[in-house]
Amino acid sequence: HSATMFLLVLSLLVSGSQASHFLGTMMTYYPGETQTNGSVSVILRYKQNFVECSQSVTWNCEGNCGSWTRMLPLTKVEEVSGEWCQTEGVITHQLPNNTGFQTKLDGGAWINNILNRIVNWRAVAAVELRNRSDIGKPNTSPQTTILPALRVPVNCPRTINLLAFDPDGDEVKCRYGNATDSECNPCDPPPVLNVSSQSCSLTFSSSVSNTSS
């Protein structure tokens, strides 16, 4: 088994870029108990980064969504006034069976003045709750954290480790968003960034002034 994470987890701001308001998101899920009637619970934990703490976007569920309860409303984790605010929330779904579902977060207010011209974005979490044949229990999603906006001086190469791992021991790979799945528009990788699929690291290298990514 392997799991892939696409890169809406990081906003790397180099001199000259400004954020419209959205700076990134992440979500992980944790299977709960299966009841005697076959119903299943699952806990979704997510973080969002925006310019202001008053800003937010709602995750939308598709498929076997069942009923849900917001266990933790969006709560501020960290803030640098006028630059970024990180919030987190927790949602519990009670499902009639272990059929999976998808939850999506999308919008169009990405970072202004970036070289690869992204204007729309989408984050998708595929929740799979059927028992796996290799471990005899439901899958647990890859784990990571979300970094606030990072400002990197031009001419200062840097590698950022995305700290991704999988509790089930699956191989985790990282990639850029995919236009085929409408994860971003357009999805051209920025010329100053390179993502390592195997190590889940992001390398910045540029000698161009006023570069944004």
N, C-alpha and C. Protein backbone atom coordinates (compact mmCIF):
# COMPACT_ATOMS: atom_id res chain seq x y z
N HIS A 1 0.85 -1.19 0.00
CA HIS A 1 0.00 0.00 0.00
C HIS A 1 0.89 1.24 0.00
N SER A 2 0.39 2.30 -0.58
CA SER A 2 1.09 3.57 -0.52
C SER A 2 0.07 4.68 -0.42
N ALA A 3 0.51 5.82 0.04
CA ALA A 3 -0.38 6.97 0.17
C ALA A 3 0.31 8.17 -0.44
N THR A 4 -0.47 9.03 -1.08
CA THR A 4 0.09 10.20 -1.72
C THR A 4 -0.52 11.46 -1.13
N MET A 5 0.32 12.42 -0.84
CA MET A 5 -0.14 13.71 -0.34
C MET A 5 0.23 14.76 -1.38
N PHE A 6 -0.73 15.59 -1.79
CA PHE A 6 -0.37 16.63 -2.73
C PHE A 6 -0.20 17.94 -1.98
N LEU A 7 0.58 18.84 -2.57
CA LEU A 7 1.12 19.95 -1.81
C LEU A 7 0.20 21.17 -1.77
N LEU A 8 -0.81 21.09 -0.91
CA LEU A 8 -1.50 22.29 -0.47
C LEU A 8 -1.17 22.52 0.99
N VAL A 9 -0.12 21.87 1.47
CA VAL A 9 0.21 21.98 2.88
C VAL A 9 1.20 23.10 3.17
N LEU A 10 1.68 23.77 2.15
CA LEU A 10 2.73 24.75 2.39
C LEU A 10 2.58 25.95 1.49
N SER A 11 2.73 27.11 2.06
CA SER A 11 2.84 28.33 1.27
C SER A 11 4.22 28.91 1.50
N LEU A 12 5.01 28.98 0.46
CA LEU A 12 6.36 29.51 0.55
C LEU A 12 6.38 30.87 -0.13
N LEU A 13 6.52 31.92 0.65
CA LEU A 13 6.44 33.27 0.12
C LEU A 13 7.84 33.87 0.04
N VAL A 14 8.22 34.26 -1.16
CA VAL A 14 9.50 34.90 -1.37
C VAL A 14 9.23 36.36 -1.67
N SER A 15 10.22 37.21 -1.57
CA SER A 15 10.00 38.65 -1.66
C SER A 15 9.14 39.00 -2.86
N GLY A 16 8.11 39.81 -2.63
CA GLY A 16 7.28 40.28 -3.72
C GLY A 16 5.91 39.64 -3.78
N SER A 17 5.65 38.57 -3.03
CA SER A 17 4.35 37.91 -3.11
C SER A 17 3.44 38.36 -1.99
N GLN A 18 2.14 38.37 -2.28
CA GLN A 18 1.14 38.70 -1.28
C GLN A 18 0.04 37.66 -1.35
N ALA A 19 -0.59 37.39 -0.22
CA ALA A 19 -1.65 36.39 -0.19
C ALA A 19 -3.00 37.05 -0.33
N SER A 20 -3.87 36.46 -1.17
CA SER A 20 -5.24 36.94 -1.26
C SER A 20 -5.94 36.65 0.06
N HIS A 21 -6.04 35.38 0.46
CA HIS A 21 -6.35 35.07 1.85
C HIS A 21 -6.06 33.63 2.24
N PHE A 22 -6.15 32.68 1.29
CA PHE A 22 -5.94 31.27 1.63
C PHE A 22 -4.47 30.90 1.50
N LEU A 23 -3.93 30.18 2.51
CA LEU A 23 -2.52 29.83 2.52
C LEU A 23 -2.25 28.33 2.63
N GLY A 24 -3.28 27.50 2.78
CA GLY A 24 -3.03 26.06 2.81
C GLY A 24 -3.90 25.32 3.80
N THR A 25 -3.95 23.99 3.66
CA THR A 25 -4.78 23.17 4.53
C THR A 25 -4.22 21.75 4.61
N MET A 26 -4.67 20.99 5.58
CA MET A 26 -4.38 19.57 5.68
C MET A 26 -5.50 18.89 6.45
N MET A 27 -5.69 17.59 6.20
CA MET A 27 -6.68 16.82 6.95
C MET A 27 -6.17 15.40 7.16
N THR A 28 -6.43 14.86 8.33
CA THR A 28 -6.15 13.45 8.62
C THR A 28 -7.41 12.84 9.22
N TYR A 29 -7.53 11.51 9.10
CA TYR A 29 -8.71 10.86 9.68
C TYR A 29 -8.30 9.65 10.51
N TYR A 30 -9.16 9.34 11.49
CA TYR A 30 -8.90 8.26 12.43
C TYR A 30 -10.17 7.40 12.55
N PRO A 31 -10.14 6.14 12.09
CA PRO A 31 -11.32 5.28 12.20
C PRO A 31 -11.69 5.06 13.66
N GLY A 32 -13.00 5.05 13.93
CA GLY A 32 -13.49 4.79 15.27
C GLY A 32 -14.02 3.37 15.39
N GLU A 33 -14.94 3.18 16.31
CA GLU A 33 -15.47 1.84 16.57
C GLU A 33 -16.52 1.45 15.54
N THR A 34 -16.59 0.14 15.26
CA THR A 34 -17.66 -0.42 14.44
C THR A 34 -18.69 -1.05 15.37
N GLN A 35 -19.94 -0.63 15.23
CA GLN A 35 -21.00 -1.12 16.10
C GLN A 35 -21.55 -2.45 15.59
N THR A 36 -22.33 -3.11 16.43
CA THR A 36 -22.89 -4.42 16.07
C THR A 36 -23.82 -4.33 14.86
N ASN A 37 -24.42 -3.17 14.63
CA ASN A 37 -25.31 -3.00 13.47
C ASN A 37 -24.55 -2.62 12.20
N GLY A 38 -23.22 -2.58 12.28
CA GLY A 38 -22.40 -2.28 11.10
C GLY A 38 -22.06 -0.81 10.93
N SER A 39 -22.63 0.06 11.75
CA SER A 39 -22.32 1.48 11.63
C SER A 39 -20.89 1.75 12.12
N VAL A 40 -20.29 2.79 11.57
CA VAL A 40 -18.89 3.10 11.83
C VAL A 40 -18.75 4.59 12.13
N SER A 41 -17.84 4.93 13.02
CA SER A 41 -17.54 6.34 13.27
C SER A 41 -16.12 6.64 12.79
N VAL A 42 -15.89 7.89 12.41
CA VAL A 42 -14.56 8.31 11.98
C VAL A 42 -14.36 9.76 12.41
N ILE A 43 -13.16 10.07 12.87
CA ILE A 43 -12.81 11.41 13.33
C ILE A 43 -11.94 12.08 12.27
N LEU A 44 -12.31 13.28 11.86
CA LEU A 44 -11.54 14.07 10.90
C LEU A 44 -10.93 15.26 11.63
N ARG A 45 -9.62 15.39 11.56
CA ARG A 45 -8.92 16.54 12.13
C ARG A 45 -8.30 17.34 11.00
N TYR A 46 -8.47 18.65 11.04
CA TYR A 46 -7.96 19.46 9.94
C TYR A 46 -7.41 20.79 10.44
N LYS A 47 -6.50 21.35 9.64
CA LYS A 47 -5.96 22.68 9.89
C LYS A 47 -6.10 23.52 8.64
N GLN A 48 -6.25 24.82 8.84
CA GLN A 48 -6.33 25.76 7.72
C GLN A 48 -5.45 26.96 8.02
N ASN A 49 -4.85 27.51 6.97
CA ASN A 49 -4.05 28.73 7.09
C ASN A 49 -4.68 29.83 6.24
N PHE A 50 -4.90 30.97 6.85
CA PHE A 50 -5.43 32.14 6.15
C PHE A 50 -4.64 33.37 6.58
N VAL A 51 -4.88 34.47 5.88
CA VAL A 51 -4.23 35.71 6.26
C VAL A 51 -4.81 36.24 7.57
N GLU A 52 -6.14 36.13 7.73
CA GLU A 52 -6.81 36.61 8.93
C GLU A 52 -7.55 35.47 9.62
N CYS A 53 -7.66 35.53 10.94
CA CYS A 53 -8.35 34.47 11.69
C CYS A 53 -9.85 34.45 11.42
N SER A 54 -10.40 35.54 10.92
CA SER A 54 -11.83 35.60 10.63
C SER A 54 -12.19 34.86 9.34
N GLN A 55 -11.19 34.46 8.56
CA GLN A 55 -11.44 33.81 7.27
C GLN A 55 -11.46 32.29 7.43
N SER A 56 -12.31 31.63 6.65
CA SER A 56 -12.38 30.17 6.69
C SER A 56 -13.08 29.66 5.44
N VAL A 57 -12.93 28.37 5.17
CA VAL A 57 -13.61 27.68 4.08
C VAL A 57 -14.15 26.38 4.65
N THR A 58 -15.32 25.94 4.18
CA THR A 58 -15.97 24.76 4.74
C THR A 58 -15.67 23.52 3.90
N TRP A 59 -15.29 22.43 4.58
CA TRP A 59 -15.11 21.14 3.91
C TRP A 59 -16.49 20.59 3.52
N ASN A 60 -16.60 20.04 2.31
CA ASN A 60 -17.84 19.45 1.83
C ASN A 60 -17.68 17.95 1.64
N CYS A 61 -18.65 17.18 2.11
CA CYS A 61 -18.59 15.72 2.05
C CYS A 61 -19.36 15.20 0.86
N GLU A 62 -18.82 14.15 0.20
CA GLU A 62 -19.48 13.49 -0.92
C GLU A 62 -19.43 11.98 -0.71
N GLY A 63 -20.57 11.31 -0.92
CA GLY A 63 -20.61 9.86 -0.78
C GLY A 63 -21.32 9.43 0.49
N ASN A 64 -20.79 8.42 1.15
CA ASN A 64 -21.40 7.83 2.35
C ASN A 64 -21.08 8.69 3.57
N CYS A 65 -21.71 9.87 3.65
CA CYS A 65 -21.33 10.86 4.67
C CYS A 65 -21.99 10.64 6.02
N GLY A 66 -23.14 9.98 6.05
CA GLY A 66 -23.84 9.76 7.31
C GLY A 66 -24.18 11.07 8.00
N SER A 67 -24.18 11.05 9.32
CA SER A 67 -24.41 12.27 10.10
C SER A 67 -23.08 12.73 10.69
N TRP A 68 -22.94 14.02 10.89
CA TRP A 68 -21.67 14.52 11.41
C TRP A 68 -21.89 15.52 12.53
N THR A 69 -20.88 15.63 13.38
CA THR A 69 -20.90 16.54 14.51
C THR A 69 -19.58 17.29 14.56
N ARG A 70 -19.64 18.59 14.73
CA ARG A 70 -18.41 19.38 14.86
C ARG A 70 -17.95 19.31 16.31
N MET A 71 -16.95 18.49 16.57
CA MET A 71 -16.47 18.29 17.93
C MET A 71 -15.63 19.46 18.44
N LEU A 72 -14.90 20.10 17.52
CA LEU A 72 -14.09 21.26 17.86
C LEU A 72 -14.28 22.31 16.78
N PRO A 73 -14.97 23.41 17.08
CA PRO A 73 -15.09 24.49 16.08
C PRO A 73 -13.71 25.02 15.73
N LEU A 74 -13.61 25.68 14.58
CA LEU A 74 -12.33 26.24 14.19
C LEU A 74 -11.74 27.08 15.32
N THR A 75 -10.56 26.69 15.75
CA THR A 75 -9.91 27.31 16.90
C THR A 75 -8.52 27.80 16.51
N LYS A 76 -8.17 28.99 16.91
CA LYS A 76 -6.86 29.55 16.54
C LYS A 76 -5.73 28.78 17.20
N VAL A 77 -4.73 28.43 16.38
CA VAL A 77 -3.53 27.75 16.87
C VAL A 77 -2.38 28.74 16.99
N GLU A 78 -2.12 29.47 15.90
CA GLU A 78 -1.05 30.46 15.87
C GLU A 78 -1.48 31.63 15.01
N GLU A 79 -0.89 32.80 15.27
CA GLU A 79 -1.23 33.97 14.46
C GLU A 79 -0.08 34.96 14.44
N VAL A 80 0.19 35.50 13.26
CA VAL A 80 1.02 36.69 13.10
C VAL A 80 0.11 37.72 12.46
N SER A 81 -0.28 38.71 13.21
CA SER A 81 -1.31 39.66 12.79
C SER A 81 -1.01 40.28 11.43
N GLY A 82 -1.99 40.17 10.53
CA GLY A 82 -1.87 40.75 9.21
C GLY A 82 -1.10 39.91 8.21
N GLU A 83 -0.50 38.79 8.67
CA GLU A 83 0.28 37.94 7.77
C GLU A 83 -0.33 36.54 7.61
N TRP A 84 -0.60 35.86 8.73
CA TRP A 84 -1.21 34.55 8.63
C TRP A 84 -1.84 34.16 9.96
N CYS A 85 -2.81 33.25 9.85
CA CYS A 85 -3.47 32.70 11.03
C CYS A 85 -3.75 31.22 10.77
N GLN A 86 -3.33 30.37 11.68
CA GLN A 86 -3.59 28.93 11.56
C GLN A 86 -4.69 28.53 12.54
N THR A 87 -5.69 27.81 12.03
CA THR A 87 -6.79 27.32 12.86
C THR A 87 -6.89 25.81 12.69
N GLU A 88 -7.56 25.16 13.64
CA GLU A 88 -7.79 23.73 13.55
C GLU A 88 -9.21 23.40 13.98
N GLY A 89 -9.73 22.28 13.49
CA GLY A 89 -11.06 21.84 13.85
C GLY A 89 -11.14 20.32 13.84
N VAL A 90 -12.20 19.78 14.44
CA VAL A 90 -12.42 18.33 14.50
C VAL A 90 -13.88 18.04 14.18
N ILE A 91 -14.11 17.10 13.26
CA ILE A 91 -15.45 16.68 12.88
C ILE A 91 -15.55 15.16 13.05
N THR A 92 -16.65 14.68 13.60
CA THR A 92 -16.91 13.24 13.70
C THR A 92 -18.07 12.87 12.80
N HIS A 93 -17.87 11.85 11.97
CA HIS A 93 -18.95 11.31 11.12
C HIS A 93 -19.40 9.97 11.69
N GLN A 94 -20.71 9.77 11.76
CA GLN A 94 -21.28 8.48 12.11
C GLN A 94 -21.91 7.91 10.84
N LEU A 95 -21.36 6.81 10.33
CA LEU A 95 -21.76 6.27 9.04
C LEU A 95 -22.58 4.99 9.21
N PRO A 96 -23.52 4.74 8.29
CA PRO A 96 -24.35 3.53 8.39
C PRO A 96 -23.56 2.25 8.10
N ASN A 97 -22.44 2.37 7.38
CA ASN A 97 -21.60 1.21 7.06
C ASN A 97 -20.18 1.70 6.79
N ASN A 98 -19.29 0.79 6.40
CA ASN A 98 -17.88 1.17 6.23
C ASN A 98 -17.51 1.57 4.81
N THR A 99 -18.52 1.89 3.99
CA THR A 99 -18.22 2.44 2.67
C THR A 99 -17.56 3.80 2.83
N GLY A 100 -16.54 4.06 2.04
CA GLY A 100 -15.79 5.31 2.19
C GLY A 100 -16.51 6.52 1.63
N PHE A 101 -15.89 7.67 1.81
CA PHE A 101 -16.42 8.92 1.26
C PHE A 101 -15.26 9.88 1.01
N GLN A 102 -15.55 10.99 0.37
CA GLN A 102 -14.56 12.03 0.13
C GLN A 102 -15.02 13.33 0.78
N THR A 103 -14.07 14.08 1.28
CA THR A 103 -14.36 15.42 1.77
C THR A 103 -13.43 16.39 1.06
N LYS A 104 -13.99 17.52 0.61
CA LYS A 104 -13.26 18.43 -0.25
C LYS A 104 -13.31 19.85 0.29
N LEU A 105 -12.24 20.57 0.02
CA LEU A 105 -12.14 21.99 0.34
C LEU A 105 -11.63 22.68 -0.91
N ASP A 106 -12.35 23.67 -1.42
CA ASP A 106 -11.87 24.33 -2.63
C ASP A 106 -12.23 25.81 -2.63
N GLY A 107 -11.57 26.53 -3.49
CA GLY A 107 -11.79 27.97 -3.58
C GLY A 107 -10.90 28.60 -4.64
N GLY A 108 -10.87 29.93 -4.67
CA GLY A 108 -10.11 30.61 -5.71
C GLY A 108 -9.23 31.72 -5.20
N ALA A 109 -9.08 31.86 -3.88
CA ALA A 109 -8.32 32.98 -3.33
C ALA A 109 -6.93 32.53 -2.89
N TRP A 110 -6.14 32.07 -3.84
CA TRP A 110 -4.77 31.61 -3.57
C TRP A 110 -3.87 32.83 -3.51
N ILE A 111 -2.56 32.64 -3.58
CA ILE A 111 -1.61 33.72 -3.38
C ILE A 111 -1.50 34.59 -4.63
N ASN A 112 -1.52 35.91 -4.45
CA ASN A 112 -1.40 36.84 -5.57
C ASN A 112 0.02 36.88 -6.12
N ASN A 113 0.13 37.20 -7.40
CA ASN A 113 1.41 37.52 -8.05
C ASN A 113 2.42 36.38 -8.00
N ILE A 114 1.97 35.14 -8.18
CA ILE A 114 2.91 34.02 -8.17
C ILE A 114 3.26 33.63 -9.60
N LEU A 115 4.46 33.07 -9.76
CA LEU A 115 4.98 32.80 -11.10
C LEU A 115 4.17 31.75 -11.85
N ASN A 116 3.61 30.76 -11.15
CA ASN A 116 2.89 29.71 -11.86
C ASN A 116 1.40 30.00 -11.98
N ARG A 117 0.94 31.18 -11.60
CA ARG A 117 -0.38 31.73 -11.95
C ARG A 117 -1.56 30.90 -11.43
N ILE A 118 -1.40 30.19 -10.33
CA ILE A 118 -2.52 29.40 -9.80
C ILE A 118 -3.62 30.34 -9.32
N VAL A 119 -4.85 30.08 -9.75
CA VAL A 119 -5.98 30.91 -9.33
C VAL A 119 -7.04 30.10 -8.58
N ASN A 120 -7.11 28.79 -8.83
CA ASN A 120 -8.07 27.93 -8.14
C ASN A 120 -7.35 26.74 -7.53
N TRP A 121 -7.88 26.21 -6.43
CA TRP A 121 -7.26 25.10 -5.73
C TRP A 121 -8.33 24.20 -5.14
N ARG A 122 -7.94 22.96 -4.87
CA ARG A 122 -8.85 22.00 -4.23
C ARG A 122 -8.04 21.01 -3.41
N ALA A 123 -8.46 20.78 -2.18
CA ALA A 123 -7.87 19.74 -1.34
C ALA A 123 -8.90 18.63 -1.17
N VAL A 124 -8.48 17.38 -1.34
CA VAL A 124 -9.39 16.24 -1.26
C VAL A 124 -8.83 15.20 -0.29
N ALA A 125 -9.67 14.75 0.63
CA ALA A 125 -9.30 13.65 1.52
C ALA A 125 -10.22 12.47 1.21
N ALA A 126 -9.64 11.35 0.78
CA ALA A 126 -10.40 10.13 0.52
C ALA A 126 -10.38 9.27 1.78
N VAL A 127 -11.54 9.07 2.38
CA VAL A 127 -11.65 8.33 3.65
C VAL A 127 -12.05 6.89 3.34
N GLU A 128 -11.16 5.95 3.62
CA GLU A 128 -11.38 4.53 3.35
C GLU A 128 -11.48 3.78 4.68
N LEU A 129 -12.62 3.14 4.93
CA LEU A 129 -12.87 2.54 6.25
C LEU A 129 -13.04 1.03 6.22
N ARG A 130 -12.91 0.40 5.07
CA ARG A 130 -13.00 -1.06 5.02
C ARG A 130 -11.75 -1.68 5.62
N ASN A 131 -11.90 -2.86 6.20
CA ASN A 131 -10.75 -3.54 6.79
C ASN A 131 -9.73 -3.92 5.71
N ARG A 132 -8.47 -3.66 6.00
CA ARG A 132 -7.40 -4.03 5.08
C ARG A 132 -7.01 -5.49 5.31
N SER A 133 -6.67 -6.17 4.23
CA SER A 133 -6.32 -7.59 4.34
C SER A 133 -4.98 -7.79 5.04
N ASP A 134 -4.07 -6.79 4.95
CA ASP A 134 -2.74 -6.98 5.51
C ASP A 134 -2.66 -6.71 7.01
N ILE A 135 -3.51 -5.82 7.52
CA ILE A 135 -3.44 -5.49 8.95
C ILE A 135 -4.73 -5.84 9.69
N GLY A 136 -5.77 -6.23 8.95
CA GLY A 136 -7.00 -6.68 9.58
C GLY A 136 -7.82 -5.59 10.24
N LYS A 137 -7.59 -4.34 9.87
CA LYS A 137 -8.36 -3.23 10.42
C LYS A 137 -8.44 -2.11 9.39
N PRO A 138 -9.29 -1.10 9.62
CA PRO A 138 -9.41 -0.02 8.63
C PRO A 138 -8.11 0.77 8.47
N ASN A 139 -7.98 1.37 7.31
CA ASN A 139 -6.82 2.19 7.01
C ASN A 139 -6.83 3.47 7.85
N THR A 140 -5.64 3.94 8.21
CA THR A 140 -5.48 5.24 8.84
C THR A 140 -4.73 6.14 7.87
N SER A 141 -5.14 7.38 7.76
CA SER A 141 -4.55 8.27 6.75
C SER A 141 -3.12 8.64 7.10
N PRO A 142 -2.35 9.07 6.09
CA PRO A 142 -1.01 9.61 6.37
C PRO A 142 -1.11 10.79 7.32
N GLN A 143 -0.06 11.01 8.08
CA GLN A 143 -0.03 12.09 9.06
C GLN A 143 1.01 13.13 8.64
N THR A 144 0.67 14.38 8.84
CA THR A 144 1.61 15.46 8.60
C THR A 144 1.15 16.65 9.41
N THR A 145 1.85 17.74 9.29
CA THR A 145 1.39 18.99 9.87
C THR A 145 1.35 20.01 8.75
N ILE A 146 0.88 21.18 9.03
CA ILE A 146 0.83 22.23 8.02
C ILE A 146 1.68 23.39 8.49
N LEU A 147 2.56 23.84 7.63
CA LEU A 147 3.45 24.94 7.98
C LEU A 147 2.76 26.26 7.69
N PRO A 148 2.96 27.26 8.55
CA PRO A 148 2.50 28.60 8.21
C PRO A 148 3.28 29.11 6.99
N ALA A 149 2.93 30.28 6.51
CA ALA A 149 3.66 30.87 5.40
C ALA A 149 5.11 31.09 5.79
N LEU A 150 6.02 30.68 4.93
CA LEU A 150 7.45 30.87 5.18
C LEU A 150 7.99 31.93 4.22
N ARG A 151 8.74 32.86 4.74
CA ARG A 151 9.38 33.86 3.89
C ARG A 151 10.85 33.49 3.74
N VAL A 152 11.27 33.31 2.49
CA VAL A 152 12.63 32.85 2.21
C VAL A 152 13.34 33.91 1.37
N PRO A 153 14.47 34.42 1.83
CA PRO A 153 15.20 35.42 1.04
C PRO A 153 15.70 34.82 -0.28
N VAL A 154 15.68 35.63 -1.31
CA VAL A 154 16.25 35.22 -2.59
C VAL A 154 17.74 34.94 -2.39
N ASN A 155 18.29 34.00 -3.16
CA ASN A 155 19.69 33.59 -3.08
C ASN A 155 20.00 32.81 -1.81
N CYS A 156 18.97 32.31 -1.13
CA CYS A 156 19.18 31.47 0.05
C CYS A 156 18.50 30.12 -0.17
N PRO A 157 19.16 29.19 -0.87
CA PRO A 157 18.56 27.87 -1.11
C PRO A 157 18.17 27.21 0.21
N ARG A 158 17.07 26.50 0.18
CA ARG A 158 16.58 25.89 1.41
C ARG A 158 15.78 24.64 1.08
N THR A 159 15.88 23.64 1.96
CA THR A 159 15.08 22.42 1.84
C THR A 159 14.16 22.31 3.04
N ILE A 160 12.88 22.14 2.79
CA ILE A 160 11.88 22.04 3.85
C ILE A 160 11.35 20.61 3.87
N ASN A 161 11.53 19.91 4.98
CA ASN A 161 10.98 18.57 5.14
C ASN A 161 9.52 18.67 5.57
N LEU A 162 8.64 17.94 4.88
CA LEU A 162 7.20 18.05 5.13
C LEU A 162 6.72 17.13 6.24
N LEU A 163 7.61 16.35 6.83
CA LEU A 163 7.31 15.58 8.05
C LEU A 163 6.09 14.69 7.89
N ALA A 164 6.05 13.94 6.80
CA ALA A 164 4.92 13.05 6.54
C ALA A 164 5.28 11.61 6.90
N PHE A 165 4.34 10.90 7.52
CA PHE A 165 4.53 9.48 7.80
C PHE A 165 3.17 8.80 7.83
N ASP A 166 3.16 7.48 7.85
CA ASP A 166 1.91 6.74 7.85
C ASP A 166 1.87 5.78 9.04
N PRO A 167 0.84 5.85 9.90
CA PRO A 167 0.77 4.99 11.08
C PRO A 167 0.70 3.50 10.75
N ASP A 168 0.22 3.15 9.55
CA ASP A 168 0.12 1.75 9.15
C ASP A 168 1.40 1.23 8.51
N GLY A 169 2.41 2.10 8.40
CA GLY A 169 3.67 1.68 7.80
C GLY A 169 3.69 1.76 6.29
N ASP A 170 2.67 2.36 5.68
CA ASP A 170 2.63 2.50 4.23
C ASP A 170 3.66 3.53 3.76
N GLU A 171 4.09 3.38 2.53
CA GLU A 171 4.98 4.36 1.92
C GLU A 171 4.18 5.63 1.61
N VAL A 172 4.72 6.77 1.99
CA VAL A 172 4.06 8.05 1.73
C VAL A 172 4.85 8.80 0.66
N LYS A 173 4.15 9.27 -0.37
CA LYS A 173 4.77 10.06 -1.42
C LYS A 173 4.09 11.42 -1.50
N CYS A 174 4.85 12.43 -1.88
CA CYS A 174 4.32 13.78 -2.01
C CYS A 174 4.40 14.22 -3.47
N ARG A 175 3.48 15.07 -3.87
CA ARG A 175 3.46 15.56 -5.25
C ARG A 175 2.78 16.92 -5.30
N TYR A 176 2.92 17.58 -6.44
CA TYR A 176 2.17 18.80 -6.69
C TYR A 176 0.72 18.46 -7.02
N GLY A 177 -0.14 19.46 -6.96
CA GLY A 177 -1.52 19.27 -7.36
C GLY A 177 -1.63 18.85 -8.81
N ASN A 178 -2.72 18.14 -9.14
CA ASN A 178 -2.92 17.56 -10.46
C ASN A 178 -4.10 18.25 -11.14
N ALA A 179 -3.87 18.80 -12.34
CA ALA A 179 -4.94 19.49 -13.06
C ALA A 179 -6.03 18.51 -13.50
N THR A 180 -5.66 17.26 -13.80
CA THR A 180 -6.64 16.27 -14.24
C THR A 180 -7.73 16.06 -13.19
N ASP A 181 -7.35 16.14 -11.92
CA ASP A 181 -8.31 15.96 -10.82
C ASP A 181 -8.82 17.29 -10.28
N SER A 182 -8.58 18.36 -11.04
CA SER A 182 -9.05 19.71 -10.67
C SER A 182 -8.54 20.15 -9.30
N GLU A 183 -7.31 19.75 -8.97
CA GLU A 183 -6.74 20.13 -7.68
C GLU A 183 -6.17 21.55 -7.70
N CYS A 184 -5.93 22.07 -8.88
CA CYS A 184 -5.48 23.45 -9.02
C CYS A 184 -5.66 23.86 -10.48
N ASN A 185 -5.65 25.16 -10.72
CA ASN A 185 -5.80 25.67 -12.07
C ASN A 185 -5.05 26.99 -12.20
N PRO A 186 -3.97 27.02 -13.01
CA PRO A 186 -3.29 25.86 -13.59
C PRO A 186 -2.47 25.14 -12.53
N CYS A 187 -1.81 24.04 -12.91
CA CYS A 187 -1.02 23.26 -11.96
C CYS A 187 0.46 23.22 -12.32
N ASP A 188 0.94 24.21 -13.04
CA ASP A 188 2.35 24.25 -13.42
C ASP A 188 3.21 24.44 -12.18
N PRO A 189 4.20 23.56 -11.96
CA PRO A 189 5.08 23.72 -10.79
C PRO A 189 5.85 25.02 -10.89
N PRO A 190 6.03 25.73 -9.78
CA PRO A 190 6.82 26.96 -9.81
C PRO A 190 8.27 26.65 -10.13
N PRO A 191 8.93 27.47 -10.94
CA PRO A 191 10.30 27.16 -11.39
C PRO A 191 11.34 27.17 -10.28
N VAL A 192 11.04 27.79 -9.15
CA VAL A 192 12.04 27.88 -8.07
C VAL A 192 11.88 26.79 -7.02
N LEU A 193 10.88 25.91 -7.19
CA LEU A 193 10.63 24.86 -6.21
C LEU A 193 10.72 23.48 -6.85
N ASN A 194 11.21 22.53 -6.07
CA ASN A 194 11.25 21.15 -6.52
C ASN A 194 10.83 20.25 -5.37
N VAL A 195 9.88 19.35 -5.64
CA VAL A 195 9.41 18.45 -4.60
C VAL A 195 10.00 17.06 -4.82
N SER A 196 10.49 16.46 -3.76
CA SER A 196 10.98 15.08 -3.81
C SER A 196 9.84 14.16 -3.41
N SER A 197 9.42 13.32 -4.34
CA SER A 197 8.31 12.41 -4.07
C SER A 197 8.64 11.43 -2.96
N GLN A 198 9.86 10.90 -2.97
CA GLN A 198 10.22 9.85 -2.02
C GLN A 198 10.46 10.38 -0.61
N SER A 199 11.16 11.51 -0.49
CA SER A 199 11.50 12.02 0.84
C SER A 199 10.49 13.03 1.36
N CYS A 200 9.51 13.41 0.54
CA CYS A 200 8.53 14.43 0.91
C CYS A 200 9.23 15.69 1.43
N SER A 201 10.13 16.21 0.61
CA SER A 201 10.81 17.45 0.94
C SER A 201 10.64 18.43 -0.22
N LEU A 202 10.71 19.70 0.11
CA LEU A 202 10.52 20.77 -0.86
C LEU A 202 11.78 21.61 -0.88
N THR A 203 12.40 21.76 -2.06
CA THR A 203 13.65 22.49 -2.18
C THR A 203 13.42 23.80 -2.92
N PHE A 204 13.87 24.88 -2.32
CA PHE A 204 13.80 26.20 -2.94
C PHE A 204 15.19 26.61 -3.41
N SER A 205 15.28 27.07 -4.67
CA SER A 205 16.55 27.53 -5.20
C SER A 205 16.28 28.59 -6.25
N SER A 206 16.78 29.82 -6.01
CA SER A 206 16.55 30.90 -6.96
C SER A 206 17.59 31.99 -6.77
N SER A 207 17.99 32.58 -7.88
CA SER A 207 18.88 33.74 -7.83
C SER A 207 18.22 34.95 -8.45
N VAL A 208 16.89 34.84 -8.67
CA VAL A 208 16.14 35.91 -9.32
C VAL A 208 15.50 36.78 -8.25
N SER A 209 15.67 38.07 -8.33
CA SER A 209 15.07 38.97 -7.35
C SER A 209 13.58 39.10 -7.60
N ASN A 210 12.85 39.43 -6.53
CA ASN A 210 11.40 39.61 -6.60
C ASN A 210 10.69 38.38 -7.15
N THR A 211 11.10 37.22 -6.68
CA THR A 211 10.50 35.97 -7.11
C THR A 211 9.46 35.54 -6.10
N SER A 212 8.34 35.05 -6.57
CA SER A 212 7.32 34.53 -5.65
C SER A 212 6.91 33.15 -6.10
N SER A 213 6.52 32.29 -5.13
CA SER A 213 6.15 30.93 -5.48
C SER A 213 5.06 30.44 -4.57
